[in-house]
Each structure stands twice: as structure tokens, then as C-alpha cells.
Amino acid sequence: QVQLVESGGGLVQPGGSLRLSCAASGNIFTFNTMGWYRQAPGNQRELVAPITSNGSTNYANSVKGRFTISRDNGKNTVYLQMNSLKPEDTAVYYCSLSQGPNTYWGQGTQVTVSS
């Protein structure tokens, strides 16, 4: 089993920044993919950015150039640096870890972008 604990959400004004963190613990394989998803009210959960254990990344078009995903394999932690935040970035952000046939999820952290 794998446990994921997110932190770093909150309320920020448009144009501001936030940094999310997600620490994984448990039976973690050497090769895995961690990532961030988000879900706004009334919308489906969408992939924001994944990162593999060797550092390969990808981004949703809506966040390219504003968000940066990174990870510290020694700490089994993934980060999401979010800059130039917009009201449409408001959502619950979820951390995920995929290894073998399984995907694990964190409990989610609320990000609200509002003036």
C-alpha cells in the first residue's frame, strides 16, 4: 500500500503563486510516475502534469509556462510550483502515484484563486 499526503493549498490572488507538495510513503517501487490532477466543481478530474521517476514531464496546455512539476526521489515527494495563477485554476488538486497496475491518490488540497 501507498499513502500520499498533500500540502500547500490555500487562497491566493490572481497573478500570485503557490507551491504544492505531496509526500509518498509505503511500498514504493523504484520506477513510478507521480502527478497532479485537479477537479473543479461540476467538472471532471483532469491531468495537470505527470513526472516519471527519471524526471520526464508533461503539462496540460492550460498550465504550460506557468506551472512546474518536480520531484525528490530521495524523499518520495513531488512538487507543483504554480505561478501567474488565474481564477480558472481554482480546484481541488490531487496527487497521484502510479506503479505497476495500481494508482494511488491523495486526499486533495483546495486551491482558490480570487481577489
N, C-alpha and C. Protein backbone atom coordinates (compact mmCIF):
# COMPACT_ATOMS: atom_id res chain seq x y z
N GLN A 1 0.84 -1.20 0.00
CA GLN A 1 0.00 0.00 0.00
C GLN A 1 0.87 1.25 0.00
N VAL A 2 0.31 2.31 -0.56
CA VAL A 2 0.99 3.59 -0.64
C VAL A 2 0.08 4.68 -0.09
N GLN A 3 0.65 5.56 0.69
CA GLN A 3 -0.10 6.69 1.22
C GLN A 3 0.50 7.99 0.65
N LEU A 4 -0.38 8.92 0.30
CA LEU A 4 0.03 10.20 -0.25
C LEU A 4 -0.58 11.32 0.58
N VAL A 5 0.23 12.27 0.98
CA VAL A 5 -0.24 13.39 1.80
C VAL A 5 0.16 14.70 1.12
N GLU A 6 -0.85 15.47 0.73
CA GLU A 6 -0.62 16.75 0.05
C GLU A 6 -0.61 17.90 1.06
N SER A 7 0.05 18.97 0.68
CA SER A 7 0.03 20.20 1.47
C SER A 7 0.33 21.37 0.55
N GLY A 8 0.00 22.58 1.03
CA GLY A 8 0.36 23.79 0.30
C GLY A 8 -0.76 24.53 -0.38
N GLY A 9 -1.96 24.01 -0.33
CA GLY A 9 -3.07 24.73 -0.96
C GLY A 9 -3.46 25.96 -0.15
N GLY A 10 -4.40 26.72 -0.70
CA GLY A 10 -4.88 27.91 0.00
C GLY A 10 -5.54 28.90 -0.92
N LEU A 11 -5.71 30.10 -0.40
CA LEU A 11 -6.32 31.20 -1.14
C LEU A 11 -5.23 32.15 -1.62
N VAL A 12 -5.27 32.50 -2.90
CA VAL A 12 -4.27 33.40 -3.46
C VAL A 12 -4.95 34.33 -4.46
N GLN A 13 -4.42 35.53 -4.60
CA GLN A 13 -4.98 36.48 -5.56
C GLN A 13 -4.53 36.14 -6.97
N PRO A 14 -5.30 36.54 -7.96
CA PRO A 14 -4.86 36.33 -9.36
C PRO A 14 -3.47 36.91 -9.60
N GLY A 15 -2.65 36.15 -10.31
CA GLY A 15 -1.28 36.56 -10.55
C GLY A 15 -0.30 36.06 -9.50
N GLY A 16 -0.82 35.52 -8.42
CA GLY A 16 0.03 35.03 -7.34
C GLY A 16 0.58 33.64 -7.59
N SER A 17 1.28 33.12 -6.59
CA SER A 17 1.94 31.82 -6.69
C SER A 17 1.61 30.96 -5.48
N LEU A 18 1.65 29.67 -5.70
CA LEU A 18 1.54 28.67 -4.64
C LEU A 18 2.43 27.50 -5.01
N ARG A 19 2.89 26.79 -3.98
CA ARG A 19 3.67 25.58 -4.18
C ARG A 19 3.00 24.43 -3.42
N LEU A 20 2.60 23.41 -4.18
CA LEU A 20 2.02 22.22 -3.58
C LEU A 20 3.10 21.16 -3.38
N SER A 21 2.95 20.39 -2.31
CA SER A 21 3.85 19.27 -2.04
C SER A 21 3.03 18.02 -1.80
N CYS A 22 3.62 16.87 -2.13
CA CYS A 22 2.95 15.59 -1.89
C CYS A 22 4.02 14.58 -1.50
N ALA A 23 3.91 14.07 -0.28
CA ALA A 23 4.86 13.09 0.22
C ALA A 23 4.24 11.70 0.17
N ALA A 24 4.96 10.78 -0.42
CA ALA A 24 4.51 9.40 -0.54
C ALA A 24 5.25 8.52 0.47
N SER A 25 4.53 7.53 0.99
CA SER A 25 5.13 6.57 1.91
C SER A 25 4.52 5.20 1.66
N GLY A 26 5.20 4.19 2.14
CA GLY A 26 4.71 2.82 1.96
C GLY A 26 5.58 2.04 1.00
N ASN A 27 4.96 1.11 0.28
CA ASN A 27 5.67 0.22 -0.63
C ASN A 27 5.81 0.90 -2.00
N ILE A 28 6.86 1.70 -2.14
CA ILE A 28 7.05 2.48 -3.37
C ILE A 28 8.10 1.83 -4.24
N PHE A 29 7.74 1.59 -5.49
CA PHE A 29 8.65 0.98 -6.44
C PHE A 29 9.68 2.02 -6.92
N THR A 30 10.82 1.53 -7.42
CA THR A 30 11.84 2.42 -7.95
C THR A 30 11.33 3.20 -9.16
N PHE A 31 10.58 2.49 -10.03
CA PHE A 31 10.06 3.13 -11.23
C PHE A 31 8.57 3.39 -11.05
N ASN A 32 8.21 4.65 -11.11
CA ASN A 32 6.81 5.03 -10.95
C ASN A 32 6.60 6.39 -11.61
N THR A 33 5.37 6.75 -11.72
CA THR A 33 5.01 8.07 -12.21
C THR A 33 4.16 8.77 -11.16
N MET A 34 4.57 9.95 -10.79
CA MET A 34 3.77 10.77 -9.89
C MET A 34 3.17 11.92 -10.69
N GLY A 35 2.11 12.47 -10.18
CA GLY A 35 1.48 13.54 -10.94
C GLY A 35 0.48 14.34 -10.12
N TRP A 36 0.02 15.39 -10.74
CA TRP A 36 -1.01 16.24 -10.15
C TRP A 36 -2.22 16.30 -11.08
N TYR A 37 -3.37 16.13 -10.49
CA TYR A 37 -4.65 16.28 -11.17
C TYR A 37 -5.41 17.39 -10.45
N ARG A 38 -6.46 17.87 -11.10
CA ARG A 38 -7.34 18.83 -10.42
C ARG A 38 -8.78 18.62 -10.85
N GLN A 39 -9.67 19.02 -9.97
CA GLN A 39 -11.09 18.90 -10.26
C GLN A 39 -11.81 20.12 -9.73
N ALA A 40 -12.42 20.85 -10.64
CA ALA A 40 -13.23 22.00 -10.28
C ALA A 40 -14.69 21.55 -10.14
N PRO A 41 -15.50 22.28 -9.39
CA PRO A 41 -16.90 21.90 -9.21
C PRO A 41 -17.61 21.76 -10.55
N GLY A 42 -18.30 20.63 -10.71
CA GLY A 42 -19.05 20.38 -11.93
C GLY A 42 -18.22 19.87 -13.10
N ASN A 43 -16.91 19.74 -12.89
CA ASN A 43 -16.02 19.28 -13.96
C ASN A 43 -15.44 17.92 -13.63
N GLN A 44 -14.93 17.26 -14.66
CA GLN A 44 -14.23 16.00 -14.45
C GLN A 44 -12.82 16.28 -13.94
N ARG A 45 -12.25 15.29 -13.29
CA ARG A 45 -10.86 15.40 -12.85
C ARG A 45 -9.97 15.42 -14.09
N GLU A 46 -9.02 16.36 -14.13
CA GLU A 46 -8.14 16.48 -15.29
C GLU A 46 -6.68 16.40 -14.87
N LEU A 47 -5.87 15.87 -15.76
CA LEU A 47 -4.44 15.76 -15.50
C LEU A 47 -3.78 17.12 -15.70
N VAL A 48 -3.03 17.54 -14.70
CA VAL A 48 -2.31 18.81 -14.79
C VAL A 48 -0.89 18.56 -15.30
N ALA A 49 -0.19 17.65 -14.62
CA ALA A 49 1.20 17.37 -15.01
C ALA A 49 1.66 16.06 -14.38
N PRO A 50 2.27 15.15 -15.17
CA PRO A 50 2.92 13.97 -14.62
C PRO A 50 4.43 14.13 -14.65
N ILE A 51 5.10 13.33 -13.82
CA ILE A 51 6.57 13.27 -13.86
C ILE A 51 6.99 11.85 -13.53
N THR A 52 7.85 11.28 -14.38
CA THR A 52 8.30 9.93 -14.16
C THR A 52 9.47 9.91 -13.16
N SER A 53 9.86 8.72 -12.76
CA SER A 53 10.94 8.61 -11.78
C SER A 53 12.28 9.04 -12.36
N ASN A 54 12.39 9.10 -13.69
CA ASN A 54 13.64 9.60 -14.28
C ASN A 54 13.53 11.07 -14.69
N GLY A 55 12.42 11.73 -14.30
CA GLY A 55 12.30 13.18 -14.48
C GLY A 55 11.61 13.67 -15.72
N SER A 56 11.08 12.79 -16.54
CA SER A 56 10.34 13.23 -17.73
C SER A 56 9.01 13.84 -17.31
N THR A 57 8.68 14.97 -17.92
CA THR A 57 7.47 15.69 -17.54
C THR A 57 6.58 15.97 -18.74
N ASN A 58 5.36 16.33 -18.43
CA ASN A 58 4.41 16.78 -19.44
C ASN A 58 3.43 17.72 -18.74
N TYR A 59 2.78 18.59 -19.52
CA TYR A 59 1.88 19.57 -18.93
C TYR A 59 0.61 19.71 -19.76
N ALA A 60 -0.49 19.95 -19.07
CA ALA A 60 -1.72 20.33 -19.76
C ALA A 60 -1.48 21.68 -20.44
N ASN A 61 -2.10 21.87 -21.59
CA ASN A 61 -1.91 23.12 -22.33
C ASN A 61 -2.28 24.34 -21.48
N SER A 62 -3.28 24.18 -20.63
CA SER A 62 -3.78 25.30 -19.85
C SER A 62 -2.78 25.80 -18.80
N VAL A 63 -1.75 25.00 -18.47
CA VAL A 63 -0.81 25.40 -17.42
C VAL A 63 0.61 25.54 -17.94
N LYS A 64 0.85 25.23 -19.21
CA LYS A 64 2.21 25.32 -19.76
C LYS A 64 2.76 26.73 -19.61
N GLY A 65 4.00 26.80 -19.15
CA GLY A 65 4.64 28.09 -18.98
C GLY A 65 4.34 28.75 -17.64
N ARG A 66 3.38 28.21 -16.89
CA ARG A 66 3.03 28.80 -15.59
C ARG A 66 3.30 27.84 -14.44
N PHE A 67 3.10 26.54 -14.66
CA PHE A 67 3.29 25.54 -13.61
C PHE A 67 4.56 24.72 -13.91
N THR A 68 5.21 24.29 -12.83
CA THR A 68 6.39 23.43 -12.95
C THR A 68 6.28 22.29 -11.97
N ILE A 69 6.37 21.06 -12.49
CA ILE A 69 6.36 19.89 -11.63
C ILE A 69 7.79 19.41 -11.43
N SER A 70 8.09 18.95 -10.21
CA SER A 70 9.41 18.41 -9.91
C SER A 70 9.25 17.35 -8.83
N ARG A 71 10.33 16.60 -8.61
CA ARG A 71 10.26 15.56 -7.59
C ARG A 71 11.63 15.36 -6.96
N ASP A 72 11.58 14.86 -5.74
CA ASP A 72 12.79 14.48 -4.99
C ASP A 72 12.63 12.99 -4.69
N ASN A 73 13.33 12.17 -5.45
CA ASN A 73 13.17 10.73 -5.29
C ASN A 73 13.65 10.24 -3.93
N GLY A 74 14.63 10.90 -3.37
CA GLY A 74 15.13 10.51 -2.06
C GLY A 74 14.09 10.70 -0.97
N LYS A 75 13.23 11.68 -1.17
CA LYS A 75 12.18 11.98 -0.19
C LYS A 75 10.81 11.46 -0.64
N ASN A 76 10.77 10.82 -1.82
CA ASN A 76 9.49 10.35 -2.38
C ASN A 76 8.45 11.47 -2.36
N THR A 77 8.86 12.62 -2.79
CA THR A 77 8.00 13.80 -2.76
C THR A 77 7.93 14.45 -4.13
N VAL A 78 6.73 14.88 -4.50
CA VAL A 78 6.53 15.60 -5.75
C VAL A 78 6.01 16.99 -5.43
N TYR A 79 6.41 17.96 -6.24
CA TYR A 79 6.03 19.35 -6.02
C TYR A 79 5.33 19.90 -7.27
N LEU A 80 4.50 20.91 -7.04
CA LEU A 80 3.92 21.65 -8.17
C LEU A 80 4.04 23.13 -7.85
N GLN A 81 4.93 23.79 -8.55
CA GLN A 81 5.07 25.24 -8.42
C GLN A 81 4.11 25.90 -9.38
N MET A 82 3.20 26.69 -8.86
CA MET A 82 2.17 27.32 -9.67
C MET A 82 2.36 28.84 -9.63
N ASN A 83 2.64 29.42 -10.77
CA ASN A 83 2.84 30.86 -10.89
C ASN A 83 1.76 31.46 -11.80
N SER A 84 1.63 32.77 -11.73
CA SER A 84 0.66 33.50 -12.58
C SER A 84 -0.72 32.85 -12.50
N LEU A 85 -1.15 32.58 -11.30
CA LEU A 85 -2.41 31.85 -11.11
C LEU A 85 -3.60 32.67 -11.60
N LYS A 86 -4.57 31.95 -12.14
CA LYS A 86 -5.79 32.55 -12.68
C LYS A 86 -7.00 32.00 -11.93
N PRO A 87 -8.10 32.74 -11.94
CA PRO A 87 -9.31 32.22 -11.28
C PRO A 87 -9.71 30.84 -11.79
N GLU A 88 -9.47 30.57 -13.06
CA GLU A 88 -9.85 29.26 -13.61
C GLU A 88 -8.95 28.12 -13.12
N ASP A 89 -7.89 28.43 -12.38
CA ASP A 89 -7.08 27.39 -11.76
C ASP A 89 -7.70 26.91 -10.44
N THR A 90 -8.75 27.56 -10.00
CA THR A 90 -9.42 27.15 -8.76
C THR A 90 -9.95 25.73 -8.88
N ALA A 91 -9.56 24.88 -7.94
CA ALA A 91 -9.95 23.47 -7.98
C ALA A 91 -9.39 22.77 -6.74
N VAL A 92 -9.82 21.54 -6.55
CA VAL A 92 -9.14 20.65 -5.61
C VAL A 92 -8.04 19.94 -6.40
N TYR A 93 -6.84 20.02 -5.88
CA TYR A 93 -5.68 19.41 -6.54
C TYR A 93 -5.34 18.10 -5.83
N TYR A 94 -5.19 17.05 -6.65
CA TYR A 94 -4.91 15.72 -6.14
C TYR A 94 -3.54 15.25 -6.63
N CYS A 95 -2.82 14.63 -5.74
CA CYS A 95 -1.55 13.99 -6.07
C CYS A 95 -1.83 12.52 -6.41
N SER A 96 -1.08 11.98 -7.35
CA SER A 96 -1.23 10.56 -7.68
C SER A 96 0.14 9.91 -7.81
N LEU A 97 0.15 8.60 -7.60
CA LEU A 97 1.34 7.79 -7.84
C LEU A 97 0.89 6.52 -8.52
N SER A 98 1.49 6.24 -9.69
CA SER A 98 1.17 5.04 -10.45
C SER A 98 2.39 4.14 -10.52
N GLN A 99 2.20 2.89 -10.18
CA GLN A 99 3.28 1.91 -10.25
C GLN A 99 2.66 0.55 -10.50
N GLY A 100 3.24 -0.22 -11.44
CA GLY A 100 2.63 -1.47 -11.80
C GLY A 100 1.20 -1.20 -12.25
N PRO A 101 0.26 -2.07 -11.82
CA PRO A 101 -1.13 -1.90 -12.25
C PRO A 101 -1.94 -0.93 -11.38
N ASN A 102 -1.31 -0.35 -10.37
CA ASN A 102 -2.06 0.42 -9.38
C ASN A 102 -1.79 1.92 -9.45
N THR A 103 -2.84 2.68 -9.13
CA THR A 103 -2.72 4.12 -8.97
C THR A 103 -3.28 4.50 -7.61
N TYR A 104 -2.51 5.31 -6.90
CA TYR A 104 -2.90 5.75 -5.57
C TYR A 104 -3.15 7.26 -5.60
N TRP A 105 -4.04 7.70 -4.70
CA TRP A 105 -4.43 9.10 -4.68
C TRP A 105 -4.28 9.70 -3.29
N GLY A 106 -3.95 10.99 -3.26
CA GLY A 106 -4.00 11.75 -2.03
C GLY A 106 -5.41 12.21 -1.74
N GLN A 107 -5.57 12.90 -0.62
CA GLN A 107 -6.91 13.32 -0.19
C GLN A 107 -7.35 14.62 -0.88
N GLY A 108 -6.43 15.31 -1.50
CA GLY A 108 -6.75 16.55 -2.20
C GLY A 108 -6.49 17.78 -1.35
N THR A 109 -6.12 18.85 -2.01
CA THR A 109 -5.92 20.13 -1.33
C THR A 109 -6.57 21.24 -2.17
N GLN A 110 -7.30 22.11 -1.50
CA GLN A 110 -8.05 23.15 -2.20
C GLN A 110 -7.14 24.31 -2.58
N VAL A 111 -7.24 24.73 -3.84
CA VAL A 111 -6.58 25.94 -4.32
C VAL A 111 -7.67 26.88 -4.82
N THR A 112 -7.71 28.06 -4.26
CA THR A 112 -8.69 29.06 -4.66
C THR A 112 -7.97 30.33 -5.10
N VAL A 113 -8.26 30.76 -6.32
CA VAL A 113 -7.65 31.96 -6.87
C VAL A 113 -8.75 33.01 -7.01
N SER A 114 -8.68 34.02 -6.16
CA SER A 114 -9.74 35.02 -6.13
C SER A 114 -9.22 36.31 -5.51
N SER A 115 -9.78 37.41 -5.98
CA SER A 115 -9.43 38.70 -5.39
C SER A 115 -10.43 39.08 -4.30
